[in-house]
């Protein structure tokens, strides 16, 4: 087996992603969910699927931001409670 150069690897990978997207489409599976998990397959989506992908990606990013903010607030609250507990013990 010979080694592939970068261009050949890219062509091989693109063919694989294209096949996987097409297989999922034929099976009626959620193609956008697959692309959310593997961004390299994005270019094989239809225009409508790309729009759906961008909407869902924005929603996921917004949810992640909200969760991160909640974790930060919780961490700050725990730190504040820890400091208050230290002062009340003394």
N, C-alpha and C. Protein backbone atom coordinates (compact mmCIF):
# COMPACT_ATOMS: atom_id res chain seq x y z
N UNK A 1 0.85 -1.18 0.00
CA UNK A 1 0.00 0.00 0.00
C UNK A 1 0.89 1.24 0.00
N UNK A 2 0.72 2.06 -0.99
CA UNK A 2 1.55 3.25 -1.08
C UNK A 2 0.97 4.36 -0.23
N UNK A 3 1.84 5.26 0.16
CA UNK A 3 1.40 6.39 0.96
C UNK A 3 0.74 7.42 0.05
N UNK A 4 -0.32 8.02 0.56
CA UNK A 4 -1.03 9.03 -0.21
C UNK A 4 -0.49 10.40 0.14
N UNK A 5 -0.45 11.26 -0.85
CA UNK A 5 -0.05 12.63 -0.56
C UNK A 5 -1.28 13.38 -0.02
N UNK A 6 -1.08 14.61 0.38
CA UNK A 6 -2.15 15.37 1.02
C UNK A 6 -3.36 15.53 0.11
N UNK A 7 -3.13 15.78 -1.16
CA UNK A 7 -4.22 15.98 -2.10
C UNK A 7 -5.04 14.69 -2.28
N UNK A 8 -4.36 13.57 -2.34
CA UNK A 8 -5.04 12.29 -2.49
C UNK A 8 -5.84 11.94 -1.23
N UNK A 9 -5.27 12.23 -0.06
CA UNK A 9 -5.99 11.99 1.20
C UNK A 9 -7.25 12.84 1.27
N UNK A 10 -7.12 14.10 0.87
CA UNK A 10 -8.27 15.00 0.91
C UNK A 10 -9.36 14.51 -0.03
N UNK A 11 -8.99 14.08 -1.22
CA UNK A 11 -9.97 13.56 -2.18
C UNK A 11 -10.63 12.30 -1.64
N UNK A 12 -9.84 11.41 -1.03
CA UNK A 12 -10.39 10.18 -0.45
C UNK A 12 -11.36 10.50 0.68
N UNK A 13 -10.96 11.41 1.57
CA UNK A 13 -11.82 11.79 2.69
C UNK A 13 -13.11 12.45 2.20
N UNK A 14 -13.00 13.33 1.22
CA UNK A 14 -14.19 13.98 0.68
C UNK A 14 -15.16 12.96 0.10
N UNK A 15 -14.63 11.97 -0.59
CA UNK A 15 -15.48 10.92 -1.16
C UNK A 15 -16.18 10.15 -0.05
N UNK A 16 -15.45 9.84 1.02
CA UNK A 16 -16.05 9.11 2.14
C UNK A 16 -17.15 9.92 2.81
N UNK A 17 -16.89 11.20 3.06
CA UNK A 17 -17.91 12.04 3.70
C UNK A 17 -19.13 12.18 2.81
N UNK A 18 -18.90 12.33 1.52
CA UNK A 18 -20.00 12.44 0.57
C UNK A 18 -20.85 11.17 0.60
N UNK A 19 -20.22 10.02 0.60
CA UNK A 19 -20.94 8.75 0.65
C UNK A 19 -21.74 8.62 1.95
N UNK A 20 -21.11 8.98 3.05
CA UNK A 20 -21.79 8.86 4.35
C UNK A 20 -23.02 9.76 4.43
N UNK A 21 -22.88 10.98 3.92
CA UNK A 21 -24.02 11.90 3.92
C UNK A 21 -25.13 11.35 3.04
N UNK A 22 -24.76 10.87 1.86
CA UNK A 22 -25.77 10.30 0.95
C UNK A 22 -26.45 9.08 1.57
N UNK A 23 -25.68 8.22 2.22
CA UNK A 23 -26.26 7.03 2.86
C UNK A 23 -27.27 7.42 3.92
N UNK A 24 -26.93 8.42 4.72
CA UNK A 24 -27.84 8.86 5.77
C UNK A 24 -29.10 9.48 5.17
N UNK A 25 -28.94 10.22 4.10
CA UNK A 25 -30.08 10.82 3.42
C UNK A 25 -31.02 9.74 2.91
N UNK A 26 -30.45 8.71 2.29
CA UNK A 26 -31.26 7.61 1.74
C UNK A 26 -32.00 6.87 2.85
N UNK A 27 -31.34 6.67 3.99
CA UNK A 27 -31.95 5.98 5.12
C UNK A 27 -32.97 6.85 5.85
N UNK A 28 -32.99 8.15 5.53
CA UNK A 28 -33.92 9.05 6.20
C UNK A 28 -33.41 9.52 7.55
N UNK A 29 -32.13 9.35 7.79
CA UNK A 29 -31.55 9.78 9.07
C UNK A 29 -31.30 11.29 9.06
N UNK A 30 -31.02 11.81 10.21
CA UNK A 30 -30.78 13.24 10.37
C UNK A 30 -29.36 13.57 9.89
N UNK A 31 -29.26 14.07 8.68
CA UNK A 31 -27.96 14.40 8.08
C UNK A 31 -27.31 15.56 8.82
N UNK A 32 -28.12 16.52 9.25
CA UNK A 32 -27.59 17.69 9.93
C UNK A 32 -26.93 17.29 11.25
N UNK A 33 -27.50 16.34 11.95
CA UNK A 33 -26.91 15.87 13.21
C UNK A 33 -25.53 15.26 12.94
N UNK A 34 -25.42 14.52 11.84
CA UNK A 34 -24.13 13.93 11.48
C UNK A 34 -23.10 15.02 11.22
N UNK A 35 -23.50 16.07 10.52
CA UNK A 35 -22.57 17.15 10.20
C UNK A 35 -22.23 17.96 11.45
N UNK A 36 -23.16 18.07 12.38
CA UNK A 36 -22.85 18.75 13.64
C UNK A 36 -21.73 18.02 14.37
N UNK A 37 -21.73 16.70 14.24
CA UNK A 37 -20.70 15.90 14.89
C UNK A 37 -19.41 15.88 14.07
N UNK A 38 -19.52 16.12 12.78
CA UNK A 38 -18.36 16.05 11.91
C UNK A 38 -18.43 17.17 10.88
N UNK A 39 -17.85 18.32 11.20
CA UNK A 39 -17.96 19.51 10.36
C UNK A 39 -17.38 19.34 8.97
N UNK A 40 -16.52 18.37 8.77
CA UNK A 40 -15.90 18.19 7.46
C UNK A 40 -16.92 17.81 6.40
N UNK A 41 -18.05 17.30 6.78
CA UNK A 41 -19.08 16.88 5.84
C UNK A 41 -20.02 18.02 5.46
N UNK A 42 -19.79 19.21 5.99
CA UNK A 42 -20.68 20.36 5.76
C UNK A 42 -20.88 20.65 4.28
N UNK A 43 -19.83 20.56 3.50
CA UNK A 43 -19.92 20.96 2.09
C UNK A 43 -20.78 20.01 1.25
N UNK A 44 -21.20 18.90 1.82
CA UNK A 44 -22.03 17.95 1.09
C UNK A 44 -23.52 18.10 1.41
N UNK A 45 -23.86 19.11 2.21
CA UNK A 45 -25.26 19.36 2.53
C UNK A 45 -25.94 20.16 1.42
N UNK A 46 -27.25 20.02 1.35
CA UNK A 46 -28.01 20.86 0.43
C UNK A 46 -28.17 22.24 1.05
N UNK A 47 -28.69 23.17 0.29
CA UNK A 47 -28.85 24.54 0.77
C UNK A 47 -29.76 24.58 2.01
N UNK A 48 -30.86 23.84 1.96
CA UNK A 48 -31.79 23.81 3.09
C UNK A 48 -31.13 23.17 4.32
N UNK A 49 -30.36 22.11 4.09
CA UNK A 49 -29.68 21.44 5.20
C UNK A 49 -28.62 22.35 5.82
N UNK A 50 -27.94 23.12 4.99
CA UNK A 50 -26.94 24.06 5.51
C UNK A 50 -27.60 25.12 6.38
N UNK A 51 -28.76 25.60 5.95
CA UNK A 51 -29.50 26.57 6.74
C UNK A 51 -29.90 25.98 8.08
N UNK A 52 -30.42 24.76 8.05
CA UNK A 52 -30.81 24.07 9.28
C UNK A 52 -29.59 23.85 10.17
N UNK A 53 -28.47 23.47 9.57
CA UNK A 53 -27.23 23.25 10.31
C UNK A 53 -26.82 24.52 11.06
N UNK A 54 -26.84 25.64 10.36
CA UNK A 54 -26.42 26.90 10.98
C UNK A 54 -27.36 27.31 12.12
N UNK A 55 -28.65 27.08 11.94
CA UNK A 55 -29.61 27.38 13.02
C UNK A 55 -29.34 26.51 14.24
N UNK A 56 -29.19 25.22 14.01
CA UNK A 56 -28.97 24.30 15.13
C UNK A 56 -27.62 24.55 15.80
N UNK A 57 -26.62 24.88 15.01
CA UNK A 57 -25.30 25.18 15.57
C UNK A 57 -25.37 26.42 16.45
N UNK A 58 -26.09 27.44 16.00
CA UNK A 58 -26.25 28.66 16.79
C UNK A 58 -26.98 28.35 18.10
N UNK A 59 -28.01 27.51 18.03
CA UNK A 59 -28.75 27.12 19.23
C UNK A 59 -27.85 26.38 20.21
N UNK A 60 -27.05 25.45 19.68
CA UNK A 60 -26.13 24.70 20.54
C UNK A 60 -25.10 25.62 21.19
N UNK A 61 -24.59 26.57 20.43
CA UNK A 61 -23.61 27.50 20.99
C UNK A 61 -24.23 28.38 22.05
N UNK A 62 -25.47 28.80 21.82
CA UNK A 62 -26.17 29.62 22.80
C UNK A 62 -26.39 28.83 24.09
N UNK A 63 -26.81 27.58 23.95
CA UNK A 63 -27.02 26.73 25.12
C UNK A 63 -25.70 26.51 25.87
N UNK A 64 -24.63 26.32 25.15
CA UNK A 64 -23.32 26.12 25.79
C UNK A 64 -22.90 27.38 26.53
N UNK A 65 -23.17 28.53 25.95
CA UNK A 65 -22.82 29.80 26.60
C UNK A 65 -23.63 29.97 27.89
N UNK A 66 -24.90 29.65 27.83
CA UNK A 66 -25.77 29.77 29.01
C UNK A 66 -25.29 28.82 30.10
N UNK A 67 -24.96 27.58 29.73
CA UNK A 67 -24.47 26.63 30.72
C UNK A 67 -23.16 27.09 31.34
N UNK A 68 -22.28 27.65 30.52
CA UNK A 68 -21.00 28.14 31.03
C UNK A 68 -21.22 29.29 32.01
N UNK A 69 -22.16 30.17 31.69
CA UNK A 69 -22.48 31.28 32.58
C UNK A 69 -23.06 30.77 33.89
N UNK A 70 -23.91 29.76 33.81
CA UNK A 70 -24.51 29.19 35.02
C UNK A 70 -23.43 28.54 35.88
N UNK A 71 -22.51 27.82 35.26
CA UNK A 71 -21.42 27.19 36.03
C UNK A 71 -20.55 28.26 36.70
N UNK A 72 -20.30 29.35 35.98
CA UNK A 72 -19.49 30.42 36.54
C UNK A 72 -20.20 31.06 37.74
N UNK A 73 -21.50 31.30 37.61
CA UNK A 73 -22.27 31.88 38.71
C UNK A 73 -22.27 30.94 39.92
N UNK A 74 -22.44 29.65 39.65
CA UNK A 74 -22.44 28.67 40.73
C UNK A 74 -21.08 28.64 41.42
N UNK A 75 -20.03 28.68 40.63
CA UNK A 75 -18.68 28.68 41.19
C UNK A 75 -18.44 29.93 42.04
N UNK A 76 -18.89 31.08 41.54
CA UNK A 76 -18.74 32.32 42.30
C UNK A 76 -19.54 32.26 43.60
N UNK A 77 -20.75 31.71 43.53
CA UNK A 77 -21.60 31.59 44.72
C UNK A 77 -20.95 30.66 45.75
N UNK A 78 -20.40 29.54 45.28
CA UNK A 78 -19.73 28.62 46.20
C UNK A 78 -18.51 29.28 46.84
N UNK A 79 -17.77 30.04 46.06
CA UNK A 79 -16.59 30.75 46.58
C UNK A 79 -17.02 31.78 47.63
N UNK A 80 -18.10 32.50 47.34
CA UNK A 80 -18.61 33.49 48.28
C UNK A 80 -19.06 32.83 49.58
N UNK A 81 -19.75 31.70 49.47
CA UNK A 81 -20.20 30.97 50.66
C UNK A 81 -19.01 30.46 51.46
N UNK A 82 -17.98 30.00 50.77
CA UNK A 82 -16.79 29.50 51.45
C UNK A 82 -16.10 30.63 52.22
N UNK A 83 -16.01 31.79 51.60
CA UNK A 83 -15.37 32.95 52.26
C UNK A 83 -16.21 33.40 53.45
N UNK A 84 -17.53 33.44 53.28
CA UNK A 84 -18.40 33.84 54.39
C UNK A 84 -18.29 32.84 55.54
N UNK A 85 -18.18 31.57 55.21
CA UNK A 85 -18.05 30.54 56.26
C UNK A 85 -16.74 30.73 57.03
N UNK A 86 -15.68 31.11 56.36
CA UNK A 86 -14.40 31.35 57.02
C UNK A 86 -14.50 32.49 58.01
N UNK A 87 -15.21 33.55 57.64
CA UNK A 87 -15.35 34.70 58.52
C UNK A 87 -16.24 34.41 59.71
N UNK A 88 -17.27 33.61 59.52
CA UNK A 88 -18.17 33.31 60.63
C UNK A 88 -17.54 32.34 61.62
N UNK A 89 -16.57 31.53 61.16
CA UNK A 89 -15.89 30.60 62.05
C UNK A 89 -14.95 31.31 62.99
N UNK A 90 -14.40 32.42 62.57
CA UNK A 90 -13.38 33.14 63.38
C UNK A 90 -13.98 33.94 64.47
